Amino acid sequence: MKNAEAVLLVKFNSSLNPEDLMKTCQEDLEDFRNVPGLLQKYYISEESTGAISGFYVFENKEARAAFWNSDLAKSIPARYGVVPSTLRVEQYEMAIVLNDALFA
């Protein structure tokens, strides 16, 4: 079983219209599937503000750091139309997992 130890949350508002944003997300799925140590990624949106978030679950902090320093991560602002003043990046350590079988 793979253990989930590190989480990354990237939250922002986008200058793209919702259809173009979803198209970009779909186009990038395979690239994210190939990120070493990335166990899961959730694309979520905040209903009240329209903010978009990428919620990433990694095997460990090293995989999270490697991703955040990768060309793929560096391409996020331009590809997703990130409004710079709204960008928020948070890193967390996994404390308790309710359904750890999800990461098996």
C-alpha atoms as a PDB file:
ATOM      1  CA  MET A   1       0.000   0.000   0.000  1.00  0.00           C
ATOM      2  CA  LYS A   2       1.223   3.485  -0.828  1.00  0.00           C
ATOM      3  CA  ASN A   3       1.141   5.911   2.067  1.00  0.00           C
ATOM      4  CA  ALA A   4      -0.010   9.461   1.579  1.00  0.00           C
ATOM      5  CA  GLU A   5       2.198  11.838   3.554  1.00  0.00           C
ATOM      6  CA  ALA A   6       2.045  15.238   1.856  1.00  0.00           C
ATOM      7  CA  VAL A   7      -0.653  17.496   0.451  1.00  0.00           C
ATOM      8  CA  LEU A   8      -0.441  20.554  -1.778  1.00  0.00           C
ATOM      9  CA  LEU A   9      -3.305  22.989  -2.295  1.00  0.00           C
ATOM     10  CA  VAL A  10      -3.094  25.487  -5.162  1.00  0.00           C
ATOM     11  CA  LYS A  11      -6.049  27.897  -5.141  1.00  0.00           C
ATOM     12  CA  PHE A  12      -6.729  30.756  -7.554  1.00  0.00           C
ATOM     13  CA  ASN A  13      -9.222  32.605  -9.659  1.00  0.00           C
ATOM     14  CA  SER A  14      -8.858  32.166 -13.392  1.00  0.00           C
ATOM     15  CA  SER A  15      -9.121  34.632 -16.242  1.00  0.00           C
ATOM     16  CA  LEU A  16     -10.323  31.771 -18.484  1.00  0.00           C
ATOM     17  CA  ASN A  17     -14.007  31.163 -19.037  1.00  0.00           C
ATOM     18  CA  PRO A  18     -15.277  27.979 -17.334  1.00  0.00           C
ATOM     19  CA  GLU A  19     -15.441  25.975 -20.576  1.00  0.00           C
ATOM     20  CA  ASP A  20     -11.842  26.772 -21.558  1.00  0.00           C
ATOM     21  CA  LEU A  21     -10.644  26.086 -18.029  1.00  0.00           C
ATOM     22  CA  MET A  22     -12.287  22.628 -17.981  1.00  0.00           C
ATOM     23  CA  LYS A  23     -10.859  21.888 -21.430  1.00  0.00           C
ATOM     24  CA  THR A  24      -7.364  22.719 -20.171  1.00  0.00           C
ATOM     25  CA  CYS A  25      -7.878  20.526 -17.107  1.00  0.00           C
ATOM     26  CA  GLN A  26      -8.937  17.622 -19.313  1.00  0.00           C
ATOM     27  CA  GLU A  27      -5.973  18.119 -21.646  1.00  0.00           C
ATOM     28  CA  ASP A  28      -3.522  17.972 -18.738  1.00  0.00           C
ATOM     29  CA  LEU A  29      -4.867  14.838 -17.020  1.00  0.00           C
ATOM     30  CA  GLU A  30      -2.302  12.488 -18.540  1.00  0.00           C
ATOM     31  CA  ASP A  31       0.581  14.776 -17.595  1.00  0.00           C
ATOM     32  CA  PHE A  32      -0.597  14.754 -13.975  1.00  0.00           C
ATOM     33  CA  ARG A  33      -1.091  10.976 -14.024  1.00  0.00           C
ATOM     34  CA  ASN A  34       2.630  10.682 -14.813  1.00  0.00           C
ATOM     35  CA  VAL A  35       3.911  12.838 -11.945  1.00  0.00           C
ATOM     36  CA  PRO A  36       6.157  10.632  -9.778  1.00  0.00           C
ATOM     37  CA  GLY A  37       4.767  10.218  -6.267  1.00  0.00           C
ATOM     38  CA  LEU A  38       1.428  11.920  -7.015  1.00  0.00           C
ATOM     39  CA  LEU A  39      -1.271   9.599  -5.710  1.00  0.00           C
ATOM     40  CA  GLN A  40      -4.332  11.708  -6.450  1.00  0.00           C
ATOM     41  CA  LYS A  41      -5.322  15.131  -7.704  1.00  0.00           C
ATOM     42  CA  TYR A  42      -8.707  16.726  -7.192  1.00  0.00           C
ATOM     43  CA  TYR A  43      -9.912  19.658  -9.260  1.00  0.00           C
ATOM     44  CA  ILE A  44     -12.334  21.553  -7.036  1.00  0.00           C
ATOM     45  CA  SER A  45     -14.170  24.862  -7.217  1.00  0.00           C
ATOM     46  CA  GLU A  46     -15.435  27.117  -4.477  1.00  0.00           C
ATOM     47  CA  GLU A  47     -19.105  27.834  -5.050  1.00  0.00           C
ATOM     48  CA  SER A  48     -19.190  31.219  -3.325  1.00  0.00           C
ATOM     49  CA  THR A  49     -16.176  32.791  -5.087  1.00  0.00           C
ATOM     50  CA  GLY A  50     -15.607  30.704  -8.203  1.00  0.00           C
ATOM     51  CA  ALA A  51     -12.024  30.049  -7.076  1.00  0.00           C
ATOM     52  CA  ILE A  52     -10.433  26.912  -8.517  1.00  0.00           C
ATOM     53  CA  SER A  53      -8.173  24.613  -6.540  1.00  0.00           C
ATOM     54  CA  GLY A  54      -5.904  21.754  -7.302  1.00  0.00           C
ATOM     55  CA  PHE A  55      -5.743  19.463  -4.272  1.00  0.00           C
ATOM     56  CA  TYR A  56      -2.774  17.115  -4.659  1.00  0.00           C
ATOM     57  CA  VAL A  57      -1.966  14.080  -2.501  1.00  0.00           C
ATOM     58  CA  PHE A  58       1.649  12.876  -2.612  1.00  0.00           C
ATOM     59  CA  GLU A  59       3.511   9.864  -1.266  1.00  0.00           C
ATOM     60  CA  ASN A  60       5.962  12.149   0.546  1.00  0.00           C
ATOM     61  CA  LYS A  61       7.300  15.684   0.878  1.00  0.00           C
ATOM     62  CA  GLU A  62      10.123  14.992  -1.566  1.00  0.00           C
ATOM     63  CA  ALA A  63       7.657  14.084  -4.341  1.00  0.00           C
ATOM     64  CA  ARG A  64       5.643  17.205  -3.565  1.00  0.00           C
ATOM     65  CA  ALA A  65       8.774  19.396  -3.743  1.00  0.00           C
ATOM     66  CA  ALA A  66       9.921  17.758  -6.978  1.00  0.00           C
ATOM     67  CA  PHE A  67       6.535  18.416  -8.549  1.00  0.00           C
ATOM     68  CA  TRP A  68       6.383  22.036  -7.374  1.00  0.00           C
ATOM     69  CA  ASN A  69       9.798  22.655  -8.963  1.00  0.00           C
ATOM     70  CA  SER A  70       8.859  20.879 -12.214  1.00  0.00           C
ATOM     71  CA  ASP A  71       8.118  22.419 -15.605  1.00  0.00           C
ATOM     72  CA  LEU A  72       4.534  21.134 -15.292  1.00  0.00           C
ATOM     73  CA  ALA A  73       3.943  23.091 -12.077  1.00  0.00           C
ATOM     74  CA  LYS A  74       5.658  26.163 -13.492  1.00  0.00           C
ATOM     75  CA  SER A  75       3.265  26.073 -16.469  1.00  0.00           C
ATOM     76  CA  ILE A  76       0.141  26.253 -14.275  1.00  0.00           C
ATOM     77  CA  PRO A  77      -0.174  30.073 -14.065  1.00  0.00           C
ATOM     78  CA  ALA A  78      -0.174  30.602 -17.830  1.00  0.00           C
ATOM     79  CA  ARG A  79      -2.133  27.485 -18.816  1.00  0.00           C
ATOM     80  CA  TYR A  80      -4.866  27.988 -16.233  1.00  0.00           C
ATOM     81  CA  GLY A  81      -5.141  31.760 -16.503  1.00  0.00           C
ATOM     82  CA  VAL A  82      -4.182  32.294 -12.863  1.00  0.00           C
ATOM     83  CA  VAL A  83      -5.003  35.774 -11.618  1.00  0.00           C
ATOM     84  CA  PRO A  84      -1.744  36.455  -9.713  1.00  0.00           C
ATOM     85  CA  SER A  85      -3.285  38.397  -6.829  1.00  0.00           C
ATOM     86  CA  THR A  86      -5.577  35.445  -6.030  1.00  0.00           C
ATOM     87  CA  LEU A  87      -2.959  32.690  -6.008  1.00  0.00           C
ATOM     88  CA  ARG A  88      -2.618  30.842  -2.722  1.00  0.00           C
ATOM     89  CA  VAL A  89      -0.303  27.844  -2.281  1.00  0.00           C
ATOM     90  CA  GLU A  90      -0.430  25.772   0.892  1.00  0.00           C
ATOM     91  CA  GLN A  91       1.504  22.690   1.917  1.00  0.00           C
ATOM     92  CA  TYR A  92       0.288  20.216   4.515  1.00  0.00           C
ATOM     93  CA  GLU A  93       1.454  17.009   6.119  1.00  0.00           C
ATOM     94  CA  MET A  94      -1.056  14.177   6.226  1.00  0.00           C
ATOM     95  CA  ALA A  95      -2.284  13.569   9.782  1.00  0.00           C
ATOM     96  CA  ILE A  96      -5.179  11.091   9.604  1.00  0.00           C
ATOM     97  CA  VAL A  97      -6.745   9.423   6.572  1.00  0.00           C
ATOM     98  CA  LEU A  98     -10.298   8.144   6.862  1.00  0.00           C
ATOM     99  CA  ASN A  99     -10.259   5.862   3.814  1.00  0.00           C
ATOM    100  CA  ASP A 100      -6.599   5.027   3.328  1.00  0.00           C
ATOM    101  CA  ALA A 101      -7.576   2.222   0.936  1.00  0.00           C
ATOM    102  CA  LEU A 102      -8.087   5.002  -1.634  1.00  0.00           C
ATOM    103  CA  PHE A 103      -4.326   5.328  -1.849  1.00  0.00           C
ATOM    104  CA  ALA A 104      -3.544   1.619  -2.051  1.00  0.00           C
END
